[in-house]
All heavy atoms as atom14 arrays in JSON, in Angstrom:
{
  "sequence": "LLNILSTCENINWFKLAITCSPRIWRKITTQLQNNETLKSLWFDV",
  "atom14_mask": [
    [1, 1, 1, 1, 1, 1, 1, 1, 0, 0, 0, 0, 0, 0],
    [1, 1, 1, 1, 1, 1, 1, 1, 0, 0, 0, 0, 0, 0],
    [1, 1, 1, 1, 1, 1, 1, 1, 0, 0, 0, 0, 0, 0],
    [1, 1, 1, 1, 1, 1, 1, 1, 0, 0, 0, 0, 0, 0],
    [1, 1, 1, 1, 1, 1, 1, 1, 0, 0, 0, 0, 0, 0],
    [1, 1, 1, 1, 1, 1, 0, 0, 0, 0, 0, 0, 0, 0],
    [1, 1, 1, 1, 1, 1, 1, 0, 0, 0, 0, 0, 0, 0],
    [1, 1, 1, 1, 1, 1, 0, 0, 0, 0, 0, 0, 0, 0],
    [1, 1, 1, 1, 1, 1, 1, 1, 1, 0, 0, 0, 0, 0],
    [1, 1, 1, 1, 1, 1, 1, 1, 0, 0, 0, 0, 0, 0],
    [1, 1, 1, 1, 1, 1, 1, 1, 0, 0, 0, 0, 0, 0],
    [1, 1, 1, 1, 1, 1, 1, 1, 0, 0, 0, 0, 0, 0],
    [1, 1, 1, 1, 1, 1, 1, 1, 1, 1, 1, 1, 1, 1],
    [1, 1, 1, 1, 1, 1, 1, 1, 1, 1, 1, 0, 0, 0],
    [1, 1, 1, 1, 1, 1, 1, 1, 1, 0, 0, 0, 0, 0],
    [1, 1, 1, 1, 1, 1, 1, 1, 0, 0, 0, 0, 0, 0],
    [1, 1, 1, 1, 1, 0, 0, 0, 0, 0, 0, 0, 0, 0],
    [1, 1, 1, 1, 1, 1, 1, 1, 0, 0, 0, 0, 0, 0],
    [1, 1, 1, 1, 1, 1, 1, 0, 0, 0, 0, 0, 0, 0],
    [1, 1, 1, 1, 1, 1, 0, 0, 0, 0, 0, 0, 0, 0],
    [1, 1, 1, 1, 1, 1, 0, 0, 0, 0, 0, 0, 0, 0],
    [1, 1, 1, 1, 1, 1, 1, 0, 0, 0, 0, 0, 0, 0],
    [1, 1, 1, 1, 1, 1, 1, 1, 1, 1, 1, 0, 0, 0],
    [1, 1, 1, 1, 1, 1, 1, 1, 0, 0, 0, 0, 0, 0],
    [1, 1, 1, 1, 1, 1, 1, 1, 1, 1, 1, 1, 1, 1],
    [1, 1, 1, 1, 1, 1, 1, 1, 1, 1, 1, 0, 0, 0],
    [1, 1, 1, 1, 1, 1, 1, 1, 1, 0, 0, 0, 0, 0],
    [1, 1, 1, 1, 1, 1, 1, 1, 0, 0, 0, 0, 0, 0],
    [1, 1, 1, 1, 1, 1, 1, 0, 0, 0, 0, 0, 0, 0],
    [1, 1, 1, 1, 1, 1, 1, 0, 0, 0, 0, 0, 0, 0],
    [1, 1, 1, 1, 1, 1, 1, 1, 1, 0, 0, 0, 0, 0],
    [1, 1, 1, 1, 1, 1, 1, 1, 0, 0, 0, 0, 0, 0],
    [1, 1, 1, 1, 1, 1, 1, 1, 1, 0, 0, 0, 0, 0],
    [1, 1, 1, 1, 1, 1, 1, 1, 0, 0, 0, 0, 0, 0],
    [1, 1, 1, 1, 1, 1, 1, 1, 0, 0, 0, 0, 0, 0],
    [1, 1, 1, 1, 1, 1, 1, 1, 1, 0, 0, 0, 0, 0],
    [1, 1, 1, 1, 1, 1, 1, 0, 0, 0, 0, 0, 0, 0],
    [1, 1, 1, 1, 1, 1, 1, 1, 0, 0, 0, 0, 0, 0],
    [1, 1, 1, 1, 1, 1, 1, 1, 1, 0, 0, 0, 0, 0],
    [1, 1, 1, 1, 1, 1, 0, 0, 0, 0, 0, 0, 0, 0],
    [1, 1, 1, 1, 1, 1, 1, 1, 0, 0, 0, 0, 0, 0],
    [1, 1, 1, 1, 1, 1, 1, 1, 1, 1, 1, 1, 1, 1],
    [1, 1, 1, 1, 1, 1, 1, 1, 1, 1, 1, 0, 0, 0],
    [1, 1, 1, 1, 1, 1, 1, 1, 0, 0, 0, 0, 0, 0],
    [1, 1, 1, 1, 1, 1, 1, 0, 0, 0, 0, 0, 0, 0]
  ],
  "atom14_positions": [
    [[-39.43, 8.84, 46.37], [-40.39, 8.15, 47.23], [-41.13, 7.13, 46.42], [-41.35, 5.98, 46.86], [-41.4, 9.18, 47.8], [-42.09, 8.88, 49.14], [-41.03, 8.69, 50.2], [-43.01, 10.03, 49.47], [0.0, 0.0, 0.0], [0.0, 0.0, 0.0], [0.0, 0.0, 0.0], [0.0, 0.0, 0.0], [0.0, 0.0, 0.0], [0.0, 0.0, 0.0]],
    [[-41.52, 7.49, 45.21], [-42.29, 6.48, 44.35], [-41.36, 5.38, 43.81], [-41.8, 4.26, 43.67], [-42.91, 7.24, 43.15], [-44.01, 8.3, 43.5], [-44.53, 8.95, 42.23], [-45.1, 7.59, 44.27], [0.0, 0.0, 0.0], [0.0, 0.0, 0.0], [0.0, 0.0, 0.0], [0.0, 0.0, 0.0], [0.0, 0.0, 0.0], [0.0, 0.0, 0.0]],
    [[-40.1, 5.66, 43.69], [-39.15, 4.56, 43.37], [-39.01, 3.61, 44.48], [-38.99, 2.38, 44.31], [-37.79, 5.2, 43.02], [-37.74, 5.75, 41.6], [-38.4, 5.26, 40.73], [-36.95, 6.74, 41.45], [0.0, 0.0, 0.0], [0.0, 0.0, 0.0], [0.0, 0.0, 0.0], [0.0, 0.0, 0.0], [0.0, 0.0, 0.0], [0.0, 0.0, 0.0]],
    [[-38.96, 4.11, 45.71], [-38.89, 3.29, 46.89], [-40.17, 2.36, 46.98], [-40.11, 1.13, 47.19], [-38.68, 4.11, 48.17], [-37.37, 4.7, 48.21], [-38.97, 3.21, 49.43], [-37.21, 5.74, 49.33], [0.0, 0.0, 0.0], [0.0, 0.0, 0.0], [0.0, 0.0, 0.0], [0.0, 0.0, 0.0], [0.0, 0.0, 0.0], [0.0, 0.0, 0.0]],
    [[-41.28, 3.03, 46.75], [-42.54, 2.32, 46.8], [-42.57, 1.2, 45.72], [-43.1, 0.09, 46.0], [-43.71, 3.26, 46.58], [-45.18, 2.71, 46.7], [-45.35, 2.04, 48.05], [-46.13, 3.75, 46.48], [0.0, 0.0, 0.0], [0.0, 0.0, 0.0], [0.0, 0.0, 0.0], [0.0, 0.0, 0.0], [0.0, 0.0, 0.0], [0.0, 0.0, 0.0]],
    [[-42.12, 1.53, 44.57], [-42.13, 0.56, 43.44], [-41.26, -0.67, 43.79], [-41.69, -1.81, 43.52], [-41.57, 1.21, 42.14], [-41.56, 0.33, 41.11], [0.0, 0.0, 0.0], [0.0, 0.0, 0.0], [0.0, 0.0, 0.0], [0.0, 0.0, 0.0], [0.0, 0.0, 0.0], [0.0, 0.0, 0.0], [0.0, 0.0, 0.0], [0.0, 0.0, 0.0]],
    [[-40.1, -0.44, 44.38], [-39.23, -1.58, 44.72], [-39.81, -2.45, 45.87], [-39.37, -3.59, 46.05], [-37.84, -1.13, 45.1], [-37.88, -0.24, 46.18], [-37.15, -0.42, 43.89], [0.0, 0.0, 0.0], [0.0, 0.0, 0.0], [0.0, 0.0, 0.0], [0.0, 0.0, 0.0], [0.0, 0.0, 0.0], [0.0, 0.0, 0.0], [0.0, 0.0, 0.0]],
    [[-40.71, -1.87, 46.65], [-41.29, -2.58, 47.76], [-42.63, -3.13, 47.49], [-43.38, -3.56, 48.36], [-41.43, -1.65, 48.98], [-39.79, -1.18, 49.62], [0.0, 0.0, 0.0], [0.0, 0.0, 0.0], [0.0, 0.0, 0.0], [0.0, 0.0, 0.0], [0.0, 0.0, 0.0], [0.0, 0.0, 0.0], [0.0, 0.0, 0.0], [0.0, 0.0, 0.0]],
    [[-43.03, -3.15, 46.18], [-44.37, -3.54, 45.67], [-44.75, -4.92, 46.3], [-45.87, -5.16, 46.68], [-44.34, -3.54, 44.17], [-45.7, -4.07, 43.61], [-45.67, -4.2, 42.07], [-44.68, -3.74, 41.47], [-46.61, -4.69, 41.53], [0.0, 0.0, 0.0], [0.0, 0.0, 0.0], [0.0, 0.0, 0.0], [0.0, 0.0, 0.0], [0.0, 0.0, 0.0]],
    [[-43.82, -5.84, 46.22], [-44.13, -7.21, 46.68], [-43.58, -7.6, 48.07], [-43.56, -8.73, 48.4], [-43.51, -8.2, 45.64], [-44.18, -8.04, 44.3], [-45.41, -7.93, 44.16], [-43.29, -7.93, 43.2], [0.0, 0.0, 0.0], [0.0, 0.0, 0.0], [0.0, 0.0, 0.0], [0.0, 0.0, 0.0], [0.0, 0.0, 0.0], [0.0, 0.0, 0.0]],
    [[-43.29, -6.58, 48.8], [-42.77, -6.75, 50.16], [-43.92, -6.57, 51.15], [-44.36, -5.45, 51.45], [-41.55, -5.8, 50.58], [-40.43, -6.07, 49.58], [-41.15, -6.08, 51.97], [-39.27, -5.2, 49.75], [0.0, 0.0, 0.0], [0.0, 0.0, 0.0], [0.0, 0.0, 0.0], [0.0, 0.0, 0.0], [0.0, 0.0, 0.0], [0.0, 0.0, 0.0]],
    [[-44.53, -7.72, 51.58], [-45.8, -7.59, 52.34], [-45.62, -7.04, 53.78], [-46.68, -6.74, 54.34], [-46.54, -8.93, 52.36], [-45.64, -10.03, 53.03], [-44.71, -9.78, 53.69], [-46.08, -11.28, 52.81], [0.0, 0.0, 0.0], [0.0, 0.0, 0.0], [0.0, 0.0, 0.0], [0.0, 0.0, 0.0], [0.0, 0.0, 0.0], [0.0, 0.0, 0.0]],
    [[-44.41, -6.86, 54.19], [-44.27, -6.3, 55.56], [-43.84, -4.77, 55.53], [-43.76, -4.18, 56.6], [-43.21, -7.07, 56.41], [-41.9, -7.26, 55.7], [-41.56, -8.47, 54.92], [-40.81, -6.47, 55.5], [-40.33, -8.39, 54.45], [-39.85, -7.11, 54.76], [-40.56, -5.16, 55.97], [-38.57, -6.51, 54.43], [-39.3, -4.57, 55.63], [-38.35, -5.27, 54.89]],
    [[-43.82, -4.24, 54.37], [-43.54, -2.79, 54.18], [-44.77, -1.94, 54.03], [-45.71, -2.32, 53.28], [-42.67, -2.62, 52.97], [-42.29, -1.18, 52.65], [-41.23, -0.57, 53.25], [-43.13, -0.37, 51.78], [-40.94, 0.77, 53.0], [-42.81, 0.94, 51.51], [-41.7, 1.5, 52.18], [0.0, 0.0, 0.0], [0.0, 0.0, 0.0], [0.0, 0.0, 0.0]],
    [[-44.88, -0.89, 54.78], [-45.99, 0.05, 54.69], [-45.41, 1.51, 54.7], [-44.41, 1.85, 55.44], [-46.89, -0.03, 55.9], [-47.65, -1.32, 56.04], [-48.84, -1.35, 55.08], [-49.73, -2.64, 55.29], [-50.9, -2.57, 54.45], [0.0, 0.0, 0.0], [0.0, 0.0, 0.0], [0.0, 0.0, 0.0], [0.0, 0.0, 0.0], [0.0, 0.0, 0.0]],
    [[-46.02, 2.41, 53.88], [-45.57, 3.79, 53.79], [-46.8, 4.66, 54.03], [-47.82, 4.54, 53.36], [-45.01, 4.05, 52.41], [-44.75, 5.51, 52.11], [-43.59, 6.14, 53.0], [-44.38, 5.72, 50.57], [0.0, 0.0, 0.0], [0.0, 0.0, 0.0], [0.0, 0.0, 0.0], [0.0, 0.0, 0.0], [0.0, 0.0, 0.0], [0.0, 0.0, 0.0]],
    [[-46.7, 5.61, 54.95], [-47.7, 6.62, 55.13], [-47.1, 8.02, 55.17], [-46.08, 8.22, 55.81], [-48.4, 6.36, 56.51], [0.0, 0.0, 0.0], [0.0, 0.0, 0.0], [0.0, 0.0, 0.0], [0.0, 0.0, 0.0], [0.0, 0.0, 0.0], [0.0, 0.0, 0.0], [0.0, 0.0, 0.0], [0.0, 0.0, 0.0], [0.0, 0.0, 0.0]],
    [[-47.67, 8.92, 54.42], [-47.17, 10.25, 54.44], [-48.32, 11.26, 54.76], [-49.51, 10.94, 54.68], [-46.57, 10.65, 53.02], [-47.64, 10.61, 51.94], [-45.49, 9.69, 52.59], [-47.25, 11.2, 50.56], [0.0, 0.0, 0.0], [0.0, 0.0, 0.0], [0.0, 0.0, 0.0], [0.0, 0.0, 0.0], [0.0, 0.0, 0.0], [0.0, 0.0, 0.0]],
    [[-47.92, 12.45, 55.21], [-48.86, 13.54, 55.34], [-48.5, 14.73, 54.53], [-47.24, 14.93, 54.3], [-48.95, 13.98, 56.84], [-47.8, 14.82, 57.19], [-48.99, 12.84, 57.79], [0.0, 0.0, 0.0], [0.0, 0.0, 0.0], [0.0, 0.0, 0.0], [0.0, 0.0, 0.0], [0.0, 0.0, 0.0], [0.0, 0.0, 0.0], [0.0, 0.0, 0.0]],
    [[-49.47, 15.42, 53.94], [-49.16, 16.51, 53.09], [-50.41, 17.35, 52.84], [-51.47, 16.99, 53.29], [-48.55, 16.09, 51.73], [-49.72, 15.13, 50.75], [0.0, 0.0, 0.0], [0.0, 0.0, 0.0], [0.0, 0.0, 0.0], [0.0, 0.0, 0.0], [0.0, 0.0, 0.0], [0.0, 0.0, 0.0], [0.0, 0.0, 0.0], [0.0, 0.0, 0.0]],
    [[-50.26, 18.45, 52.14], [-51.4, 19.3, 51.76], [-51.89, 18.78, 50.4], [-51.23, 18.0, 49.71], [-50.89, 20.69, 51.63], [-49.98, 20.77, 50.49], [0.0, 0.0, 0.0], [0.0, 0.0, 0.0], [0.0, 0.0, 0.0], [0.0, 0.0, 0.0], [0.0, 0.0, 0.0], [0.0, 0.0, 0.0], [0.0, 0.0, 0.0], [0.0, 0.0, 0.0]],
    [[-53.05, 19.28, 50.02], [-53.56, 18.92, 48.65], [-52.64, 19.32, 47.49], [-52.56, 18.58, 46.56], [-54.9, 19.72, 48.59], [-55.34, 19.89, 50.02], [-54.07, 20.09, 50.77], [0.0, 0.0, 0.0], [0.0, 0.0, 0.0], [0.0, 0.0, 0.0], [0.0, 0.0, 0.0], [0.0, 0.0, 0.0], [0.0, 0.0, 0.0], [0.0, 0.0, 0.0]],
    [[-51.91, 20.42, 47.75], [-50.93, 20.84, 46.68], [-49.91, 19.79, 46.42], [-49.62, 19.4, 45.23], [-50.29, 22.15, 47.08], [-49.39, 22.72, 46.03], [-48.62, 23.98, 46.57], [-47.64, 23.65, 47.54], [-46.34, 23.33, 47.24], [-45.91, 23.31, 46.01], [-45.58, 23.09, 48.21], [0.0, 0.0, 0.0], [0.0, 0.0, 0.0], [0.0, 0.0, 0.0]],
    [[-49.36, 19.21, 47.47], [-48.27, 18.15, 47.32], [-48.92, 16.84, 46.78], [-48.29, 16.2, 45.86], [-47.6, 17.9, 48.64], [-46.81, 19.13, 49.1], [-46.7, 16.67, 48.52], [-45.66, 19.52, 48.16], [0.0, 0.0, 0.0], [0.0, 0.0, 0.0], [0.0, 0.0, 0.0], [0.0, 0.0, 0.0], [0.0, 0.0, 0.0], [0.0, 0.0, 0.0]],
    [[-50.15, 16.51, 47.19], [-50.73, 15.31, 46.68], [-51.05, 15.41, 45.18], [-50.89, 14.48, 44.44], [-52.03, 15.01, 47.42], [-52.67, 13.74, 46.91], [-53.93, 13.68, 46.34], [-52.16, 12.43, 46.89], [-54.16, 12.33, 45.93], [-53.1, 11.57, 46.28], [-50.95, 11.83, 47.29], [-52.9, 10.22, 46.07], [-50.71, 10.49, 47.12], [-51.72, 9.7, 46.49]],
    [[-51.41, 16.66, 44.71], [-51.59, 16.82, 43.31], [-50.25, 16.62, 42.54], [-50.3, 16.07, 41.46], [-52.08, 18.26, 43.04], [-52.61, 18.52, 41.66], [-53.28, 19.85, 41.46], [-54.41, 20.02, 42.28], [-55.62, 19.55, 41.96], [-55.75, 18.77, 40.88], [-56.63, 19.74, 42.8], [0.0, 0.0, 0.0], [0.0, 0.0, 0.0], [0.0, 0.0, 0.0]],
    [[-49.12, 17.03, 43.12], [-47.78, 16.77, 42.52], [-47.55, 15.24, 42.41], [-47.1, 14.75, 41.41], [-46.7, 17.41, 43.32], [-46.53, 18.94, 43.11], [-45.37, 19.45, 43.99], [-45.02, 20.81, 43.52], [-44.33, 20.84, 42.21], [0.0, 0.0, 0.0], [0.0, 0.0, 0.0], [0.0, 0.0, 0.0], [0.0, 0.0, 0.0], [0.0, 0.0, 0.0]],
    [[-47.95, 14.5, 43.49], [-47.75, 13.09, 43.49], [-48.64, 12.45, 42.38], [-48.19, 11.53, 41.68], [-48.02, 12.48, 44.86], [-47.02, 13.05, 45.87], [-47.98, 10.95, 44.82], [-47.27, 12.69, 47.29], [0.0, 0.0, 0.0], [0.0, 0.0, 0.0], [0.0, 0.0, 0.0], [0.0, 0.0, 0.0], [0.0, 0.0, 0.0], [0.0, 0.0, 0.0]],
    [[-49.86, 12.86, 42.31], [-50.82, 12.26, 41.35], [-50.35, 12.53, 39.92], [-50.56, 11.71, 38.98], [-52.23, 12.76, 41.51], [-52.29, 14.2, 41.32], [-52.77, 12.42, 42.86], [0.0, 0.0, 0.0], [0.0, 0.0, 0.0], [0.0, 0.0, 0.0], [0.0, 0.0, 0.0], [0.0, 0.0, 0.0], [0.0, 0.0, 0.0], [0.0, 0.0, 0.0]],
    [[-49.66, 13.68, 39.66], [-49.15, 13.93, 38.36], [-48.12, 12.93, 37.93], [-48.07, 12.5, 36.81], [-48.56, 15.43, 38.36], [-49.58, 16.35, 38.65], [-47.96, 15.73, 37.03], [0.0, 0.0, 0.0], [0.0, 0.0, 0.0], [0.0, 0.0, 0.0], [0.0, 0.0, 0.0], [0.0, 0.0, 0.0], [0.0, 0.0, 0.0], [0.0, 0.0, 0.0]],
    [[-47.23, 12.6, 38.93], [-46.19, 11.57, 38.6], [-46.76, 10.21, 38.51], [-46.21, 9.36, 37.89], [-45.14, 11.7, 39.68], [-44.3, 12.97, 39.67], [-42.99, 12.83, 40.36], [-42.32, 11.77, 40.32], [-42.49, 13.87, 40.97], [0.0, 0.0, 0.0], [0.0, 0.0, 0.0], [0.0, 0.0, 0.0], [0.0, 0.0, 0.0], [0.0, 0.0, 0.0]],
    [[-47.93, 9.98, 39.14], [-48.54, 8.69, 39.07], [-49.45, 8.5, 37.88], [-49.98, 7.41, 37.59], [-49.44, 8.47, 40.37], [-48.68, 8.16, 41.66], [-49.67, 8.18, 42.79], [-47.95, 6.78, 41.61], [0.0, 0.0, 0.0], [0.0, 0.0, 0.0], [0.0, 0.0, 0.0], [0.0, 0.0, 0.0], [0.0, 0.0, 0.0], [0.0, 0.0, 0.0]],
    [[-49.7, 9.52, 37.11], [-50.73, 9.67, 36.14], [-50.79, 8.52, 35.2], [-51.86, 7.98, 34.94], [-50.58, 10.99, 35.35], [-51.75, 11.32, 34.41], [-51.62, 12.65, 33.82], [-50.63, 13.32, 33.94], [-52.71, 13.16, 33.27], [0.0, 0.0, 0.0], [0.0, 0.0, 0.0], [0.0, 0.0, 0.0], [0.0, 0.0, 0.0], [0.0, 0.0, 0.0]],
    [[-49.71, 8.01, 34.63], [-49.67, 6.99, 33.65], [-49.16, 5.62, 34.22], [-48.69, 4.74, 33.43], [-48.85, 7.38, 32.48], [-49.43, 8.61, 31.79], [-50.64, 8.69, 31.54], [-48.53, 9.55, 31.4], [0.0, 0.0, 0.0], [0.0, 0.0, 0.0], [0.0, 0.0, 0.0], [0.0, 0.0, 0.0], [0.0, 0.0, 0.0], [0.0, 0.0, 0.0]],
    [[-49.15, 5.48, 35.48], [-48.6, 4.27, 36.15], [-49.7, 3.59, 36.92], [-49.77, 3.79, 38.15], [-47.39, 4.63, 37.02], [-46.6, 3.35, 37.31], [-47.17, 2.29, 37.59], [-45.24, 3.55, 37.48], [0.0, 0.0, 0.0], [0.0, 0.0, 0.0], [0.0, 0.0, 0.0], [0.0, 0.0, 0.0], [0.0, 0.0, 0.0], [0.0, 0.0, 0.0]],
    [[-50.44, 2.75, 36.33], [-51.56, 2.06, 37.0], [-51.07, 1.13, 38.07], [-51.73, 0.93, 39.06], [-52.42, 1.31, 35.97], [-53.13, 2.21, 34.99], [-54.08, 3.23, 35.65], [-54.74, 2.84, 36.63], [-54.04, 4.39, 35.23], [0.0, 0.0, 0.0], [0.0, 0.0, 0.0], [0.0, 0.0, 0.0], [0.0, 0.0, 0.0], [0.0, 0.0, 0.0]],
    [[-49.92, 0.56, 37.88], [-49.36, -0.38, 38.9], [-49.12, 0.27, 40.17], [-49.48, -0.12, 41.27], [-48.06, -1.08, 38.37], [-48.35, -1.78, 37.17], [-47.53, -2.0, 39.41], [0.0, 0.0, 0.0], [0.0, 0.0, 0.0], [0.0, 0.0, 0.0], [0.0, 0.0, 0.0], [0.0, 0.0, 0.0], [0.0, 0.0, 0.0], [0.0, 0.0, 0.0]],
    [[-48.43, 1.45, 40.09], [-48.13, 2.22, 41.32], [-49.4, 2.84, 42.0], [-49.54, 2.8, 43.18], [-47.19, 3.39, 41.02], [-45.7, 3.14, 41.13], [-44.89, 4.38, 40.86], [-45.31, 2.59, 42.52], [0.0, 0.0, 0.0], [0.0, 0.0, 0.0], [0.0, 0.0, 0.0], [0.0, 0.0, 0.0], [0.0, 0.0, 0.0], [0.0, 0.0, 0.0]],
    [[-50.35, 3.22, 41.11], [-51.64, 3.68, 41.69], [-52.34, 2.61, 42.51], [-52.93, 2.92, 43.51], [-52.62, 4.07, 40.46], [-52.31, 5.42, 39.9], [-53.43, 5.67, 38.88], [-53.27, 7.09, 38.23], [-54.36, 7.32, 37.23], [0.0, 0.0, 0.0], [0.0, 0.0, 0.0], [0.0, 0.0, 0.0], [0.0, 0.0, 0.0], [0.0, 0.0, 0.0]],
    [[-52.21, 1.35, 42.12], [-52.87, 0.27, 42.75], [-52.28, 0.02, 44.14], [-52.93, -0.76, 44.91], [-52.78, -1.03, 41.89], [-51.51, -1.5, 41.85], [0.0, 0.0, 0.0], [0.0, 0.0, 0.0], [0.0, 0.0, 0.0], [0.0, 0.0, 0.0], [0.0, 0.0, 0.0], [0.0, 0.0, 0.0], [0.0, 0.0, 0.0], [0.0, 0.0, 0.0]],
    [[-51.14, 0.54, 44.44], [-50.48, 0.29, 45.73], [-51.05, 1.19, 46.83], [-50.78, 1.05, 48.03], [-48.99, 0.46, 45.62], [-48.28, -0.43, 44.59], [-46.79, -0.15, 44.57], [-48.56, -1.92, 44.94], [0.0, 0.0, 0.0], [0.0, 0.0, 0.0], [0.0, 0.0, 0.0], [0.0, 0.0, 0.0], [0.0, 0.0, 0.0], [0.0, 0.0, 0.0]],
    [[-51.79, 2.27, 46.46], [-52.26, 3.24, 47.41], [-53.59, 2.89, 48.01], [-54.55, 2.48, 47.27], [-52.34, 4.6, 46.73], [-50.98, 5.21, 46.45], [-50.21, 4.93, 45.33], [-50.19, 6.1, 47.27], [-49.01, 5.56, 45.43], [-48.99, 6.29, 46.56], [-50.42, 6.66, 48.53], [-47.99, 7.11, 47.13], [-49.4, 7.49, 48.99], [-48.27, 7.71, 48.38]],
    [[-53.76, 3.1, 49.25], [-54.98, 2.78, 50.0], [-55.92, 3.99, 50.07], [-55.57, 5.06, 50.61], [-54.68, 2.29, 51.49], [-55.88, 2.18, 52.3], [-56.7, 1.02, 52.25], [-56.25, 3.17, 53.26], [-57.77, 0.92, 53.06], [-57.3, 3.02, 54.08], [-58.11, 1.92, 53.96], [0.0, 0.0, 0.0], [0.0, 0.0, 0.0], [0.0, 0.0, 0.0]],
    [[-57.12, 3.82, 49.5], [-58.23, 4.76, 49.75], [-57.87, 6.26, 49.44], [-57.9, 7.09, 50.38], [-58.75, 4.63, 51.15], [-60.09, 5.37, 51.32], [-60.77, 5.64, 50.38], [-60.38, 5.74, 52.56], [0.0, 0.0, 0.0], [0.0, 0.0, 0.0], [0.0, 0.0, 0.0], [0.0, 0.0, 0.0], [0.0, 0.0, 0.0], [0.0, 0.0, 0.0]],
    [[-57.51, 6.51, 48.25], [-57.1, 7.89, 47.89], [-57.78, 8.28, 46.57], [-58.17, 7.42, 45.84], [-55.6, 8.12, 47.72], [-54.83, 7.84, 49.0], [-55.08, 7.19, 46.58], [0.0, 0.0, 0.0], [0.0, 0.0, 0.0], [0.0, 0.0, 0.0], [0.0, 0.0, 0.0], [0.0, 0.0, 0.0], [0.0, 0.0, 0.0], [0.0, 0.0, 0.0]]
  ]
}
């Protein structure tokens, strides 16, 4: 999912929305931990 998001970084017509529990979001934040560029793509989290 994060690879897809990374390749769509500059595609202004692409939007991704997911639903999950806090447990899954914690897993996602772990993978985002050292990637400030990917972090910057997320809205209000």
